[in-house]
């Protein structure tokens, strides 16, 4: 899957509970300009994760900016794949704010790697967002954005936005949109297993640690998730089918 990555924007910055800016906006901005010297890089940039965490816990906000810069793409990708592109930016900021709060309260106990711990917070945030949507949905009725079943399979109700920038048009290509829509048809547990293993590239042990489930449970959940995805994707996009072996 392509097109999911860091999004530039002046307003993308993490704030604490007192609405103070924690990170400089350039942490989130993609620029084609290269730094003129190594002096532009934060001192924590060359440290490993544990050393950077130590700096954050000593009150170094620049060090936390290093962690965000290091893992922003992965967290944003997980948020987008779990909850959709529209929610990814806000969810990513919320996740990093939770990470900062947890680090300041010394809740990272190093029982797993920082990356695994971060993914656990990100996945919990995404699943909680899906649960909130489900509760809201019970009061609001069916969403106009949900794919609907037809005689020819599932079809998206979304209309193309002619105002999209070129990058957004690529992200919202037909195949990309189909994958997003089918992911939304899976249960949160199935979606989480599929996203972590097949899209984020975690190994089985890491994914099981993130989800807090036994390795065998994760593997069986992933089998069901892959089967459900393949079935629903063929319904959603009937012209797609696995390539059959050539007849001998």
C-alpha atoms as a PDB file:
ATOM      1  CA  UNK A   1       0.000   0.000   0.000  1.00  0.00           C
ATOM      2  CA  UNK A   2       1.361   3.404  -0.890  1.00  0.00           C
ATOM      3  CA  UNK A   3       0.535   6.982  -0.212  1.00  0.00           C
ATOM      4  CA  UNK A   4       0.378   6.845   3.591  1.00  0.00           C
ATOM      5  CA  UNK A   5       3.106   8.836   5.249  1.00  0.00           C
ATOM      6  CA  UNK A   6       3.925  12.064   6.995  1.00  0.00           C
ATOM      7  CA  UNK A   7       1.697  15.018   6.158  1.00  0.00           C
ATOM      8  CA  UNK A   8       3.097  18.522   6.111  1.00  0.00           C
ATOM      9  CA  UNK A   9       1.156  21.271   7.772  1.00  0.00           C
ATOM     10  CA  UNK A  10       1.745  24.354   9.861  1.00  0.00           C
ATOM     11  CA  UNK A  11      -0.959  23.313  12.325  1.00  0.00           C
ATOM     12  CA  UNK A  12       0.411  19.836  12.997  1.00  0.00           C
ATOM     13  CA  UNK A  13       2.062  20.132  16.360  1.00  0.00           C
ATOM     14  CA  UNK A  14       1.660  18.307  19.655  1.00  0.00           C
ATOM     15  CA  UNK A  15       0.424  20.288  22.637  1.00  0.00           C
ATOM     16  CA  UNK A  16       0.232  19.377  26.301  1.00  0.00           C
ATOM     17  CA  UNK A  17      -2.778  19.628  28.606  1.00  0.00           C
ATOM     18  CA  UNK A  18      -2.083  23.361  29.142  1.00  0.00           C
ATOM     19  CA  UNK A  19      -2.157  23.916  25.357  1.00  0.00           C
ATOM     20  CA  UNK A  20       1.577  24.628  25.260  1.00  0.00           C
ATOM     21  CA  UNK A  21       3.441  23.611  22.130  1.00  0.00           C
ATOM     22  CA  UNK A  22       5.699  20.660  22.932  1.00  0.00           C
ATOM     23  CA  UNK A  23       7.255  20.173  19.531  1.00  0.00           C
ATOM     24  CA  UNK A  24       8.521  22.672  17.002  1.00  0.00           C
ATOM     25  CA  UNK A  25       6.339  22.567  13.871  1.00  0.00           C
ATOM     26  CA  UNK A  26       9.289  21.628  11.689  1.00  0.00           C
ATOM     27  CA  UNK A  27       9.186  18.144  13.229  1.00  0.00           C
ATOM     28  CA  UNK A  28       6.060  17.491  11.183  1.00  0.00           C
ATOM     29  CA  UNK A  29       6.916  19.370   8.007  1.00  0.00           C
ATOM     30  CA  UNK A  30       8.297  17.635   4.946  1.00  0.00           C
ATOM     31  CA  UNK A  31      10.714  19.838   3.078  1.00  0.00           C
ATOM     32  CA  UNK A  32      12.935  19.277   0.101  1.00  0.00           C
ATOM     33  CA  UNK A  33      15.674  21.400   1.659  1.00  0.00           C
ATOM     34  CA  UNK A  34      18.544  19.568   3.306  1.00  0.00           C
ATOM     35  CA  UNK A  35      20.123  20.882   6.525  1.00  0.00           C
ATOM     36  CA  UNK A  36      23.232  22.942   5.863  1.00  0.00           C
ATOM     37  CA  UNK A  37      25.165  21.312   8.690  1.00  0.00           C
ATOM     38  CA  UNK A  38      24.976  18.716  11.414  1.00  0.00           C
ATOM     39  CA  UNK A  39      24.319  21.553  13.864  1.00  0.00           C
ATOM     40  CA  UNK A  40      20.704  21.596  12.639  1.00  0.00           C
ATOM     41  CA  UNK A  41      20.074  18.135  14.102  1.00  0.00           C
ATOM     42  CA  UNK A  42      18.975  17.752  17.727  1.00  0.00           C
ATOM     43  CA  UNK A  43      21.596  16.304  20.053  1.00  0.00           C
ATOM     44  CA  UNK A  44      19.349  13.271  20.642  1.00  0.00           C
ATOM     45  CA  UNK A  45      19.177  12.394  16.945  1.00  0.00           C
ATOM     46  CA  UNK A  46      22.109   9.992  17.129  1.00  0.00           C
ATOM     47  CA  UNK A  47      21.014   8.272  20.348  1.00  0.00           C
ATOM     48  CA  UNK A  48      19.212   4.946  20.585  1.00  0.00           C
ATOM     49  CA  UNK A  49      15.596   4.948  21.752  1.00  0.00           C
ATOM     50  CA  UNK A  50      16.344   4.213  25.409  1.00  0.00           C
ATOM     51  CA  UNK A  51      18.828   7.061  25.630  1.00  0.00           C
ATOM     52  CA  UNK A  52      16.344   9.439  24.031  1.00  0.00           C
ATOM     53  CA  UNK A  53      13.644   8.278  26.455  1.00  0.00           C
ATOM     54  CA  UNK A  54      16.012   9.014  29.351  1.00  0.00           C
ATOM     55  CA  UNK A  55      16.473  12.535  27.992  1.00  0.00           C
ATOM     56  CA  UNK A  56      12.716  13.022  27.666  1.00  0.00           C
ATOM     57  CA  UNK A  57      12.200  11.912  31.254  1.00  0.00           C
ATOM     58  CA  UNK A  58      14.776  14.496  32.326  1.00  0.00           C
ATOM     59  CA  UNK A  59      12.529  17.124  30.752  1.00  0.00           C
ATOM     60  CA  UNK A  60      14.209  17.512  27.343  1.00  0.00           C
ATOM     61  CA  UNK A  61      11.345  18.427  24.967  1.00  0.00           C
ATOM     62  CA  UNK A  62      13.743  18.479  22.014  1.00  0.00           C
ATOM     63  CA  UNK A  63      14.474  14.806  22.686  1.00  0.00           C
ATOM     64  CA  UNK A  64      10.781  14.020  22.487  1.00  0.00           C
ATOM     65  CA  UNK A  65      10.743  15.778  19.128  1.00  0.00           C
ATOM     66  CA  UNK A  66      13.402  13.279  18.032  1.00  0.00           C
ATOM     67  CA  UNK A  67      11.110  10.368  18.976  1.00  0.00           C
ATOM     68  CA  UNK A  68       8.213  11.911  17.073  1.00  0.00           C
ATOM     69  CA  UNK A  69      10.358  12.530  14.031  1.00  0.00           C
ATOM     70  CA  UNK A  70      11.688   8.962  14.221  1.00  0.00           C
ATOM     71  CA  UNK A  71       8.304   7.228  14.498  1.00  0.00           C
ATOM     72  CA  UNK A  72       5.797   9.654  13.024  1.00  0.00           C
ATOM     73  CA  UNK A  73       5.467   7.859   9.693  1.00  0.00           C
ATOM     74  CA  UNK A  74       4.797   4.499  11.343  1.00  0.00           C
ATOM     75  CA  UNK A  75       2.237   5.875  13.800  1.00  0.00           C
ATOM     76  CA  UNK A  76       0.497   7.924  11.120  1.00  0.00           C
ATOM     77  CA  UNK A  77       0.359   4.885   8.830  1.00  0.00           C
ATOM     78  CA  UNK A  78      -1.164   2.729  11.558  1.00  0.00           C
ATOM     79  CA  UNK A  79      -3.734   5.416  12.397  1.00  0.00           C
ATOM     80  CA  UNK A  80      -4.680   5.835   8.737  1.00  0.00           C
ATOM     81  CA  UNK A  81      -5.006   2.116   8.097  1.00  0.00           C
ATOM     82  CA  UNK A  82      -7.028   1.493  11.236  1.00  0.00           C
ATOM     83  CA  UNK A  83      -9.261   4.578  11.236  1.00  0.00           C
ATOM     84  CA  UNK A  84      -8.971   6.165   7.781  1.00  0.00           C
ATOM     85  CA  UNK A  85      -7.047   9.117   6.397  1.00  0.00           C
ATOM     86  CA  UNK A  86      -9.572  11.671   7.621  1.00  0.00           C
ATOM     87  CA  UNK A  87      -8.919  10.767  11.271  1.00  0.00           C
ATOM     88  CA  UNK A  88      -5.202   9.977  10.987  1.00  0.00           C
ATOM     89  CA  UNK A  89      -3.782  13.441  11.647  1.00  0.00           C
ATOM     90  CA  UNK A  90      -5.744  14.112  14.843  1.00  0.00           C
ATOM     91  CA  UNK A  91      -5.307  10.547  16.062  1.00  0.00           C
ATOM     92  CA  UNK A  92      -1.543  10.686  15.497  1.00  0.00           C
ATOM     93  CA  UNK A  93      -1.247  13.860  17.562  1.00  0.00           C
ATOM     94  CA  UNK A  94      -3.390  12.322  20.301  1.00  0.00           C
ATOM     95  CA  UNK A  95      -1.205   9.205  20.356  1.00  0.00           C
ATOM     96  CA  UNK A  96       2.017  11.182  20.722  1.00  0.00           C
ATOM     97  CA  UNK A  97       0.480  13.291  23.477  1.00  0.00           C
ATOM     98  CA  UNK A  98      -0.388  10.070  25.342  1.00  0.00           C
ATOM     99  CA  UNK A  99       3.175   8.845  24.799  1.00  0.00           C
ATOM    100  CA  UNK A 100       4.620  12.067  26.221  1.00  0.00           C
ATOM    101  CA  UNK A 101       2.328  11.919  29.252  1.00  0.00           C
ATOM    102  CA  UNK A 102       3.252   8.278  29.883  1.00  0.00           C
ATOM    103  CA  UNK A 103       6.979   9.013  29.593  1.00  0.00           C
ATOM    104  CA  UNK A 104       6.750  11.940  31.980  1.00  0.00           C
ATOM    105  CA  UNK A 105       4.974   9.663  34.456  1.00  0.00           C
ATOM    106  CA  UNK A 106       7.672   6.981  33.981  1.00  0.00           C
ATOM    107  CA  UNK A 107       5.144   4.405  32.727  1.00  0.00           C
ATOM    108  CA  UNK A 108       7.547   3.009  30.130  1.00  0.00           C
ATOM    109  CA  UNK A 109       9.074   0.171  32.176  1.00  0.00           C
ATOM    110  CA  UNK A 110      11.299  -1.208  29.368  1.00  0.00           C
ATOM    111  CA  UNK A 111       9.735  -4.666  29.553  1.00  0.00           C
ATOM    112  CA  UNK A 112       9.552  -4.426  25.767  1.00  0.00           C
ATOM    113  CA  UNK A 113      11.321  -2.203  23.257  1.00  0.00           C
ATOM    114  CA  UNK A 114      10.201   1.416  22.998  1.00  0.00           C
ATOM    115  CA  UNK A 115       8.923   0.726  19.468  1.00  0.00           C
ATOM    116  CA  UNK A 116       6.696  -2.121  20.684  1.00  0.00           C
ATOM    117  CA  UNK A 117       5.450  -0.014  23.600  1.00  0.00           C
ATOM    118  CA  UNK A 118       4.692   2.873  21.228  1.00  0.00           C
ATOM    119  CA  UNK A 119       2.783   0.578  18.874  1.00  0.00           C
ATOM    120  CA  UNK A 120       0.734  -0.685  21.825  1.00  0.00           C
ATOM    121  CA  UNK A 121      -0.325   2.866  22.715  1.00  0.00           C
ATOM    122  CA  UNK A 122      -1.039   3.653  19.060  1.00  0.00           C
ATOM    123  CA  UNK A 123      -3.119   0.512  18.523  1.00  0.00           C
ATOM    124  CA  UNK A 124      -5.072   1.054  21.742  1.00  0.00           C
ATOM    125  CA  UNK A 125      -5.777   4.611  20.618  1.00  0.00           C
ATOM    126  CA  UNK A 126      -6.982   3.412  17.225  1.00  0.00           C
ATOM    127  CA  UNK A 127      -9.215   0.691  18.692  1.00  0.00           C
ATOM    128  CA  UNK A 128     -10.697   3.163  21.177  1.00  0.00           C
ATOM    129  CA  UNK A 129     -11.481   5.505  18.275  1.00  0.00           C
ATOM    130  CA  UNK A 130     -13.257   2.669  16.452  1.00  0.00           C
ATOM    131  CA  UNK A 131     -15.278   1.917  19.580  1.00  0.00           C
ATOM    132  CA  UNK A 132     -16.275   5.577  19.901  1.00  0.00           C
ATOM    133  CA  UNK A 133     -17.406   5.545  16.282  1.00  0.00           C
ATOM    134  CA  UNK A 134     -19.489   2.447  16.898  1.00  0.00           C
ATOM    135  CA  UNK A 135     -21.204   4.056  19.884  1.00  0.00           C
ATOM    136  CA  UNK A 136     -21.908   7.215  17.881  1.00  0.00           C
ATOM    137  CA  UNK A 137     -23.159   5.098  14.999  1.00  0.00           C
ATOM    138  CA  UNK A 138     -25.795   3.489  17.201  1.00  0.00           C
ATOM    139  CA  UNK A 139     -27.364   6.902  17.697  1.00  0.00           C
ATOM    140  CA  UNK A 140     -26.810   8.396  14.254  1.00  0.00           C
ATOM    141  CA  UNK A 141     -27.762   5.476  11.999  1.00  0.00           C
ATOM    142  CA  UNK A 142     -25.823   4.325   8.930  1.00  0.00           C
ATOM    143  CA  UNK A 143     -22.969   6.465   7.668  1.00  0.00           C
ATOM    144  CA  UNK A 144     -23.131   7.966   4.196  1.00  0.00           C
ATOM    145  CA  UNK A 145     -19.453   7.092   3.809  1.00  0.00           C
ATOM    146  CA  UNK A 146     -19.838   3.346   4.407  1.00  0.00           C
ATOM    147  CA  UNK A 147     -19.433   1.026   1.404  1.00  0.00           C
ATOM    148  CA  UNK A 148     -22.741  -0.568   0.476  1.00  0.00           C
ATOM    149  CA  UNK A 149     -23.428  -4.041  -0.953  1.00  0.00           C
ATOM    150  CA  UNK A 150     -24.797  -4.174  -4.510  1.00  0.00           C
ATOM    151  CA  UNK A 151     -25.362  -6.944  -7.023  1.00  0.00           C
ATOM    152  CA  UNK A 152     -21.848  -6.299  -8.320  1.00  0.00           C
ATOM    153  CA  UNK A 153     -20.205  -6.271  -4.884  1.00  0.00           C
ATOM    154  CA  UNK A 154     -19.486  -3.488  -2.398  1.00  0.00           C
ATOM    155  CA  UNK A 155     -19.402   0.065  -3.698  1.00  0.00           C
ATOM    156  CA  UNK A 156     -18.164   3.206  -1.962  1.00  0.00           C
ATOM    157  CA  UNK A 157     -20.665   6.035  -1.469  1.00  0.00           C
ATOM    158  CA  UNK A 158     -17.864   8.584  -1.554  1.00  0.00           C
ATOM    159  CA  UNK A 159     -17.665  10.972  -4.482  1.00  0.00           C
ATOM    160  CA  UNK A 160     -14.372  12.123  -5.924  1.00  0.00           C
ATOM    161  CA  UNK A 161     -13.268  15.514  -4.635  1.00  0.00           C
ATOM    162  CA  UNK A 162     -12.198  17.663  -7.566  1.00  0.00           C
ATOM    163  CA  UNK A 163     -10.391  20.011  -5.176  1.00  0.00           C
ATOM    164  CA  UNK A 164      -7.920  17.335  -4.016  1.00  0.00           C
ATOM    165  CA  UNK A 165      -4.264  18.156  -4.396  1.00  0.00           C
ATOM    166  CA  UNK A 166      -2.196  15.810  -6.633  1.00  0.00           C
ATOM    167  CA  UNK A 167      -0.821  13.942  -3.606  1.00  0.00           C
ATOM    168  CA  UNK A 168      -4.326  13.376  -2.235  1.00  0.00           C
ATOM    169  CA  UNK A 169      -5.561  12.181  -5.615  1.00  0.00           C
ATOM    170  CA  UNK A 170      -2.830   9.528  -5.623  1.00  0.00           C
ATOM    171  CA  UNK A 171      -3.703   8.455  -2.082  1.00  0.00           C
ATOM    172  CA  UNK A 172      -7.361   8.187  -3.038  1.00  0.00           C
ATOM    173  CA  UNK A 173      -6.762   6.083  -6.092  1.00  0.00           C
ATOM    174  CA  UNK A 174      -9.337   3.422  -6.740  1.00  0.00           C
ATOM    175  CA  UNK A 175      -7.283   0.535  -5.424  1.00  0.00           C
ATOM    176  CA  UNK A 176      -6.125   2.437  -2.354  1.00  0.00           C
ATOM    177  CA  UNK A 177      -9.680   3.451  -1.518  1.00  0.00           C
ATOM    178  CA  UNK A 178     -10.885  -0.104  -1.995  1.00  0.00           C
ATOM    179  CA  UNK A 179      -8.316  -1.430   0.481  1.00  0.00           C
ATOM    180  CA  UNK A 180      -9.273   1.206   3.051  1.00  0.00           C
ATOM    181  CA  UNK A 181     -12.965   0.466   2.646  1.00  0.00           C
ATOM    182  CA  UNK A 182     -12.515  -3.290   2.975  1.00  0.00           C
ATOM    183  CA  UNK A 183     -10.355  -2.858   6.081  1.00  0.00           C
ATOM    184  CA  UNK A 184     -13.270  -0.970   7.622  1.00  0.00           C
ATOM    185  CA  UNK A 185     -15.482  -4.018   7.084  1.00  0.00           C
ATOM    186  CA  UNK A 186     -13.280  -6.185   9.317  1.00  0.00           C
ATOM    187  CA  UNK A 187     -13.683  -6.410  13.073  1.00  0.00           C
ATOM    188  CA  UNK A 188     -11.233  -4.257  15.073  1.00  0.00           C
ATOM    189  CA  UNK A 189      -9.285  -7.343  16.206  1.00  0.00           C
ATOM    190  CA  UNK A 190      -8.996  -8.700  12.669  1.00  0.00           C
ATOM    191  CA  UNK A 191      -8.028  -5.283  11.334  1.00  0.00           C
ATOM    192  CA  UNK A 192      -5.383  -4.848  14.044  1.00  0.00           C
ATOM    193  CA  UNK A 193      -3.740  -8.194  13.260  1.00  0.00           C
ATOM    194  CA  UNK A 194      -3.750  -7.550   9.519  1.00  0.00           C
ATOM    195  CA  UNK A 195      -2.413  -3.997   9.834  1.00  0.00           C
ATOM    196  CA  UNK A 196       0.399  -4.892  12.246  1.00  0.00           C
ATOM    197  CA  UNK A 197       1.654  -7.979  10.378  1.00  0.00           C
ATOM    198  CA  UNK A 198       0.885  -7.398   6.705  1.00  0.00           C
ATOM    199  CA  UNK A 199       0.981  -3.596   6.447  1.00  0.00           C
ATOM    200  CA  UNK A 200       3.239  -2.365   9.258  1.00  0.00           C
ATOM    201  CA  UNK A 201       5.648  -5.293   8.963  1.00  0.00           C
ATOM    202  CA  UNK A 202       5.890  -6.320  12.615  1.00  0.00           C
ATOM    203  CA  UNK A 203       6.891  -9.901  13.335  1.00  0.00           C
ATOM    204  CA  UNK A 204       4.513 -12.250  15.150  1.00  0.00           C
ATOM    205  CA  UNK A 205       6.156 -11.789  18.545  1.00  0.00           C
ATOM    206  CA  UNK A 206       6.069  -7.988  18.316  1.00  0.00           C
ATOM    207  CA  UNK A 207       2.455  -7.949  17.158  1.00  0.00           C
ATOM    208  CA  UNK A 208       1.356 -10.324  19.912  1.00  0.00           C
ATOM    209  CA  UNK A 209       3.131  -8.106  22.445  1.00  0.00           C
ATOM    210  CA  UNK A 210       1.434  -4.997  21.057  1.00  0.00           C
ATOM    211  CA  UNK A 211      -2.011  -6.616  21.172  1.00  0.00           C
ATOM    212  CA  UNK A 212      -1.426  -8.325  24.508  1.00  0.00           C
ATOM    213  CA  UNK A 213      -2.471 -11.758  23.303  1.00  0.00           C
ATOM    214  CA  UNK A 214      -0.771 -15.185  23.072  1.00  0.00           C
ATOM    215  CA  UNK A 215       1.174 -15.940  19.905  1.00  0.00           C
ATOM    216  CA  UNK A 216      -1.227 -18.728  18.916  1.00  0.00           C
ATOM    217  CA  UNK A 217      -4.219 -16.400  19.292  1.00  0.00           C
ATOM    218  CA  UNK A 218      -2.574 -13.825  17.059  1.00  0.00           C
ATOM    219  CA  UNK A 219      -1.807 -16.393  14.347  1.00  0.00           C
ATOM    220  CA  UNK A 220      -5.345 -17.776  14.276  1.00  0.00           C
ATOM    221  CA  UNK A 221      -6.761 -14.231  14.283  1.00  0.00           C
ATOM    222  CA  UNK A 222      -4.511 -13.333  11.359  1.00  0.00           C
ATOM    223  CA  UNK A 223      -5.662 -16.369   9.353  1.00  0.00           C
ATOM    224  CA  UNK A 224      -9.287 -15.333   9.841  1.00  0.00           C
ATOM    225  CA  UNK A 225      -8.465 -11.720   9.029  1.00  0.00           C
ATOM    226  CA  UNK A 226      -6.704 -12.602   5.761  1.00  0.00           C
ATOM    227  CA  UNK A 227      -9.548 -14.892   4.717  1.00  0.00           C
ATOM    228  CA  UNK A 228     -12.194 -12.260   5.530  1.00  0.00           C
ATOM    229  CA  UNK A 229     -10.234  -9.549   3.731  1.00  0.00           C
ATOM    230  CA  UNK A 230      -9.789 -11.632   0.568  1.00  0.00           C
ATOM    231  CA  UNK A 231     -13.476 -12.558   0.487  1.00  0.00           C
ATOM    232  CA  UNK A 232     -14.727  -9.032   1.075  1.00  0.00           C
ATOM    233  CA  UNK A 233     -12.221  -7.524  -1.337  1.00  0.00           C
ATOM    234  CA  UNK A 234     -13.460  -9.738  -4.152  1.00  0.00           C
ATOM    235  CA  UNK A 235     -17.020  -8.666  -3.325  1.00  0.00           C
ATOM    236  CA  UNK A 236     -15.978  -5.031  -3.215  1.00  0.00           C
ATOM    237  CA  UNK A 237     -13.958  -5.202  -6.428  1.00  0.00           C
ATOM    238  CA  UNK A 238     -15.312  -8.136  -8.492  1.00  0.00           C
ATOM    239  CA  UNK A 239     -12.823  -7.655 -11.326  1.00  0.00           C
ATOM    240  CA  UNK A 240      -9.999  -8.580  -8.955  1.00  0.00           C
ATOM    241  CA  UNK A 241      -9.278 -12.269  -8.553  1.00  0.00           C
ATOM    242  CA  UNK A 242      -6.151 -14.254  -7.717  1.00  0.00           C
ATOM    243  CA  UNK A 243      -4.203 -15.224 -10.799  1.00  0.00           C
ATOM    244  CA  UNK A 244      -5.002 -18.812 -11.640  1.00  0.00           C
ATOM    245  CA  UNK A 245      -2.278 -21.189 -12.606  1.00  0.00           C
ATOM    246  CA  UNK A 246      -1.783 -21.673 -16.282  1.00  0.00           C
ATOM    247  CA  UNK A 247      -3.238 -24.896 -17.531  1.00  0.00           C
ATOM    248  CA  UNK A 248      -0.674 -27.437 -18.591  1.00  0.00           C
END
